[in-house]
Protein backbone atom coordinates (compact mmCIF):
# COMPACT_ATOMS: atom_id res chain seq x y z
CA UNK A 1 -61.40 -116.51 -74.37
CA UNK A 2 -58.15 -117.12 -72.46
CA UNK A 3 -55.91 -114.30 -71.40
CA UNK A 4 -52.57 -114.91 -72.47
CA UNK A 5 -53.44 -118.63 -73.08
CA UNK A 6 -53.33 -119.32 -69.02
CA UNK A 7 -55.81 -120.79 -66.97
CA UNK A 8 -56.75 -119.22 -63.77
CA UNK A 9 -54.75 -121.54 -60.40
CA UNK A 10 -57.69 -120.26 -58.57
CA UNK A 11 -60.80 -120.99 -60.51
CA UNK A 12 -62.35 -122.97 -63.23
CA UNK A 13 -65.21 -122.46 -65.37
CA UNK A 14 -67.94 -124.84 -66.85
CA UNK A 15 -70.50 -124.46 -69.13
CA UNK A 16 -73.84 -124.67 -68.06
CA UNK A 17 -76.57 -126.54 -70.41
CA UNK A 18 -78.69 -123.47 -69.73
CA UNK A 19 -76.27 -121.30 -71.02
CA UNK A 20 -75.33 -119.90 -67.76
CA UNK A 21 -71.89 -119.83 -66.83
CA UNK A 22 -71.24 -120.61 -63.26
CA UNK A 23 -67.86 -120.82 -60.70
CA UNK A 24 -66.80 -124.14 -60.18
CA UNK A 25 -67.19 -125.47 -56.66
CA UNK A 26 -64.06 -126.15 -54.73
CA UNK A 27 -63.48 -129.53 -53.49
CA UNK A 28 -64.83 -130.89 -50.14
CA UNK A 29 -61.92 -130.67 -47.72
CA UNK A 30 -64.19 -131.94 -44.53
CA UNK A 31 -62.73 -135.50 -44.61
CA UNK A 32 -59.22 -134.54 -43.96
CA UNK A 33 -60.31 -132.38 -40.84
CA UNK A 34 -61.96 -135.43 -39.55
CA UNK A 35 -58.73 -137.62 -39.43
CA UNK A 36 -56.70 -134.79 -37.92
CA UNK A 37 -59.27 -134.98 -35.06
CA UNK A 38 -59.35 -138.72 -35.04
CA UNK A 39 -55.16 -138.85 -34.78
CA UNK A 40 -55.57 -136.73 -32.01
CA UNK A 41 -58.05 -138.73 -29.87
CA UNK A 42 -55.76 -141.72 -30.59
CA UNK A 43 -52.25 -140.07 -29.33
CA UNK A 44 -54.40 -138.81 -26.11
CA UNK A 45 -55.44 -141.91 -25.21
CA UNK A 46 -52.09 -143.60 -25.78
CA UNK A 47 -50.65 -140.63 -23.39
CA UNK A 48 -53.54 -141.24 -20.60
CA UNK A 49 -52.76 -145.02 -20.53
CA UNK A 50 -48.66 -144.46 -20.28
CA UNK A 51 -49.53 -141.86 -17.57
CA UNK A 52 -51.75 -144.30 -15.68
CA UNK A 53 -50.13 -147.82 -15.87
CA UNK A 54 -46.72 -147.43 -17.14
CA UNK A 55 -45.19 -144.82 -14.96
CA UNK A 56 -44.65 -147.51 -11.96
CA UNK A 57 -42.21 -149.50 -14.61
CA UNK A 58 -39.91 -146.05 -14.71
CA UNK A 59 -40.27 -145.03 -11.04
CA UNK A 60 -39.17 -147.90 -9.57
CA UNK A 61 -35.69 -149.23 -8.75
CA UNK A 62 -36.57 -152.81 -9.49
CA UNK A 63 -36.08 -153.97 -12.74
CA UNK A 64 -39.25 -155.17 -14.84
CA UNK A 65 -37.78 -158.87 -14.90
CA UNK A 66 -37.45 -158.66 -11.37
CA UNK A 67 -41.02 -157.69 -10.83
CA UNK A 68 -42.35 -160.19 -12.62
CA UNK A 69 -40.32 -162.90 -10.91
CA UNK A 70 -40.38 -161.63 -7.45
CA UNK A 71 -42.21 -164.24 -5.10
CA UNK A 72 -44.49 -163.03 -2.59
CA UNK A 73 -43.31 -162.64 1.20
CA UNK A 74 -43.98 -165.69 3.57
CA UNK A 75 -46.04 -164.40 6.17
CA UNK A 76 -44.57 -164.84 10.18
CA UNK A 77 -46.98 -167.09 12.09
CA UNK A 78 -47.30 -165.15 15.49
CA UNK A 79 -45.54 -167.03 18.48
CA UNK A 80 -47.99 -168.97 20.69
CA UNK A 81 -48.23 -167.71 24.32
CA UNK A 82 -49.43 -171.24 25.74
CA UNK A 83 -47.97 -174.68 25.44
CA UNK A 84 -49.30 -176.98 22.83
CA UNK A 85 -49.30 -180.68 22.58
CA UNK A 86 -48.69 -182.43 19.80
CA UNK A 87 -50.76 -185.28 18.20
CA UNK A 88 -48.35 -187.89 20.23
CA UNK A 89 -49.11 -185.95 23.25
CA UNK A 90 -45.35 -184.72 23.91
CA UNK A 91 -45.38 -180.91 25.23
CA UNK A 92 -43.89 -178.51 23.14
CA UNK A 93 -42.14 -175.55 25.24
CA UNK A 94 -42.99 -171.98 23.87
CA UNK A 95 -39.96 -169.60 24.06
CA UNK A 96 -40.72 -166.39 24.94
CA UNK A 97 -39.06 -163.44 22.80
CA UNK A 98 -37.19 -162.16 25.90
CA UNK A 99 -35.55 -165.68 26.57
CA UNK A 100 -34.86 -165.71 22.79
CA UNK A 101 -33.15 -162.49 23.37
CA UNK A 102 -31.21 -163.27 26.06
CA UNK A 103 -29.74 -166.69 24.25
CA UNK A 104 -29.16 -164.76 21.14
CA UNK A 105 -27.95 -161.65 22.66
CA UNK A 106 -23.94 -162.37 23.85
CA UNK A 107 -23.67 -160.86 27.32
CA UNK A 108 -21.22 -157.83 27.62
CA UNK A 109 -17.69 -158.12 28.23
CA UNK A 110 -16.71 -157.49 31.66
CA UNK A 111 -14.90 -154.50 32.58
CA UNK A 112 -11.18 -155.36 33.54
CA UNK A 113 -9.90 -153.50 36.43
CA UNK A 114 -6.09 -153.50 36.87
CA UNK A 115 -4.72 -153.89 39.93
CA UNK A 116 -3.41 -150.98 42.07
CA UNK A 117 0.64 -151.35 41.67
CA UNK A 118 2.67 -150.23 45.18
CA UNK A 119 5.00 -147.96 44.80
CA UNK A 120 6.29 -146.82 48.36
CA UNK A 121 7.05 -148.77 51.71
CA UNK A 122 8.10 -147.60 55.03
CA UNK A 123 11.44 -148.10 57.12
CA UNK A 124 11.50 -147.81 60.61
CA UNK A 125 14.99 -146.39 61.92
CA UNK A 126 17.79 -148.89 62.40
CA UNK A 127 18.16 -150.75 65.79
CA UNK A 128 21.10 -152.01 67.72
CA UNK A 129 19.50 -152.61 70.83
CA UNK A 130 17.06 -155.67 70.77
CA UNK A 131 14.82 -154.22 73.40
CA UNK A 132 14.00 -151.06 71.09
CA UNK A 133 13.77 -153.32 68.00
CA UNK A 134 11.06 -155.54 69.44
CA UNK A 135 9.09 -152.15 70.92
CA UNK A 136 9.30 -151.08 67.43
CA UNK A 137 8.04 -154.27 65.84
CA UNK A 138 5.24 -154.81 67.84
CA UNK A 139 3.83 -150.93 67.24
CA UNK A 140 4.09 -151.67 63.39
CA UNK A 141 1.94 -155.13 63.96
CA UNK A 142 -0.54 -153.21 66.03
CA UNK A 143 -1.56 -151.11 62.64
CA UNK A 144 -1.96 -154.43 60.85
CA UNK A 145 1.26 -154.59 59.37
CA UNK A 146 4.01 -157.47 58.31
CA UNK A 147 6.99 -156.17 59.18
CA UNK A 148 10.23 -157.42 57.40
CA UNK A 149 13.64 -156.92 58.49
CA UNK A 150 16.95 -156.76 57.34
CA UNK A 151 20.50 -156.76 59.21
CA UNK A 152 23.84 -155.27 58.43
CA UNK A 153 27.23 -155.46 60.55
CA UNK A 154 28.83 -152.60 61.77
CA UNK A 155 31.79 -152.02 63.75
CA UNK A 156 31.41 -150.24 67.08
CA UNK A 157 33.93 -149.87 69.94
CA UNK A 158 31.83 -151.05 73.20
CA UNK A 159 32.69 -151.28 77.10
CA UNK A 160 32.54 -154.83 78.46
CA UNK A 161 32.16 -155.28 82.48
CA UNK A 162 34.58 -158.86 82.55
CA UNK A 163 34.33 -160.41 85.99
CA UNK A 164 37.11 -163.14 85.51
CA UNK A 165 38.66 -165.93 83.30
CA UNK A 166 38.03 -169.16 84.04
CA UNK A 167 38.37 -172.75 83.29
CA UNK A 168 35.23 -174.05 81.14
CA UNK A 169 33.11 -175.79 84.16
CA UNK A 170 34.07 -172.52 87.08
CA UNK A 171 32.99 -170.27 84.18
CA UNK A 172 29.55 -171.95 83.24
CA UNK A 173 29.20 -171.99 87.14
CA UNK A 174 30.35 -168.23 87.77
CA UNK A 175 27.84 -166.88 84.46
CA UNK A 176 24.79 -168.55 86.02
CA UNK A 177 25.46 -166.50 89.22
CA UNK A 178 26.20 -163.23 87.21
CA UNK A 179 22.86 -163.81 85.06
CA UNK A 180 20.88 -162.96 88.04
CA UNK A 181 22.12 -159.60 88.56
CA UNK A 182 22.44 -158.80 84.71
CA UNK A 183 20.40 -160.85 81.84
CA UNK A 184 23.17 -159.78 79.23
CA UNK A 185 26.04 -161.78 80.67
CA UNK A 186 27.63 -164.18 78.35
CA UNK A 187 31.22 -166.27 77.90
CA UNK A 188 33.99 -165.57 75.70
CA UNK A 189 37.15 -168.00 74.61
CA UNK A 190 40.00 -165.55 75.49
CA UNK A 191 43.55 -166.87 76.28
CA UNK A 192 42.81 -170.56 75.99
CA UNK A 193 40.16 -170.30 78.96
CA UNK A 194 36.84 -168.50 78.81
CA UNK A 195 35.99 -165.16 80.29
CA UNK A 196 32.66 -164.22 81.79
CA UNK A 197 31.32 -160.65 81.19
CA UNK A 198 28.53 -158.80 82.73
CA UNK A 199 27.85 -157.39 79.84
CA UNK A 200 28.42 -155.41 76.78
CA UNK A 201 27.27 -151.66 76.17
CA UNK A 202 27.68 -148.62 73.80
CA UNK A 203 26.89 -146.53 76.48
CA UNK A 204 29.61 -145.76 79.10
CA UNK A 205 27.33 -144.40 81.61
CA UNK A 206 25.06 -147.70 81.29
CA UNK A 207 28.25 -149.66 81.54
CA UNK A 208 29.29 -148.24 84.93
CA UNK A 209 25.59 -147.95 86.46
CA UNK A 210 25.89 -151.69 85.89
CA UNK A 211 29.21 -151.95 87.71
CA UNK A 212 27.84 -150.06 90.80
CA UNK A 213 25.24 -152.39 91.02
CA UNK A 214 27.28 -155.41 90.80
CA UNK A 215 29.86 -154.12 93.54
CA UNK A 216 26.83 -154.02 95.66
CA UNK A 217 26.28 -157.20 95.20
CA UNK A 218 30.07 -158.43 96.06
CA UNK A 219 31.00 -158.57 92.55
CA UNK A 220 34.02 -156.91 91.01
CA UNK A 221 34.21 -156.10 87.25
CA UNK A 222 37.04 -154.50 85.12
CA UNK A 223 36.22 -152.11 82.02
CA UNK A 224 37.25 -153.31 78.90
CA UNK A 225 37.14 -151.36 75.68
CA UNK A 226 36.74 -153.51 72.47
CA UNK A 227 36.00 -152.98 69.23
CA UNK A 228 33.16 -155.28 67.49
CA UNK A 229 30.99 -155.84 64.78
CA UNK A 230 27.18 -155.63 65.62
CA UNK A 231 23.93 -156.36 63.67
CA UNK A 232 22.10 -153.39 62.68
CA UNK A 233 18.53 -153.84 61.99
CA UNK A 234 16.37 -152.33 59.78
CA UNK A 235 12.52 -152.76 60.01
CA UNK A 236 10.49 -152.33 56.46
CA UNK A 237 6.74 -152.29 56.31
CA UNK A 238 3.93 -151.24 53.87
CA UNK A 239 2.72 -151.34 50.19
CA UNK A 240 1.57 -148.16 49.35
CA UNK A 241 0.17 -146.98 46.17
CA UNK A 242 0.32 -143.18 46.91
CA UNK A 243 3.38 -141.09 48.72
CA UNK A 244 0.39 -139.47 50.93
CA UNK A 245 -0.82 -142.82 51.97
CA UNK A 246 2.62 -144.00 53.29
CA UNK A 247 2.96 -140.64 54.60
CA UNK A 248 -0.23 -140.53 57.03
CA UNK A 249 0.90 -143.99 58.34
CA UNK A 250 4.12 -142.31 59.24
CA UNK A 251 2.64 -139.60 61.14
CA UNK A 252 0.81 -141.94 63.13
CA UNK A 253 3.70 -143.90 64.38
CA UNK A 254 5.66 -140.73 65.25
CA UNK A 255 2.61 -139.91 67.40
CA UNK A 256 2.95 -143.33 69.38
CA UNK A 257 6.65 -142.25 69.73
CA UNK A 258 8.54 -144.15 67.05
CA UNK A 259 11.48 -141.95 65.49
CA UNK A 260 13.63 -142.17 62.27
CA UNK A 261 10.58 -143.31 59.77
CA UNK A 262 11.43 -143.05 56.08
CA UNK A 263 9.12 -143.55 52.99
CA UNK A 264 11.48 -145.11 50.28
CA UNK A 265 10.63 -146.74 47.08
CA UNK A 266 9.10 -150.34 47.16
CA UNK A 267 10.53 -153.10 45.93
């Protein structure tokens, strides 16, 4: 008999021929469980295969296409250390690695050293007397320096010792006699004739000492004060990079008796 005309959703009943009423046995659900387990096995196997064989395709930076087309590298043969002969009997030269490196490697650029530029020179006084000039030149050349000289004309008042006024032949004869006593004797054209002088002196004292010597030899002279242009000579030498180098040479020459040395710019 039905309660309310509805059948139970959880149970159903059947009439047994023996008259017994039994519950209906629910349907067997074991087949679904086996299918689910099989699916898990397949998924696990696929994951393991991906882990073992497929991760290289994703870890590598090289695309798959390049991995497939990549050619095997050529094996480099070692260089023979002994010369070999070809089949034709021609000897082959085996070049060592050191020689190859020497040819391939360019030589290092040579270091360029700029020559030192001279900045200073020395001047050695200004000389009116030839003897003093030559002595100074000899001292400088003794130190190994080449000497250059320059001259400038300056007006000076000098004392001349005139022996006499003569015609040309007699003047030359008289000059030869005076030169035996004074090396500085000379001839000057004056008043249409030629004047013979025993010497010309910047120092009056030197002029009078020579006059006394000439008088003792029987030669009388007259003092004449004249204004003349005389050459003043300056000696220049040295090419010094540092001022200290020039000063060192200057001190050495001063100890040798030279005066009026100066350090000047090199030109």
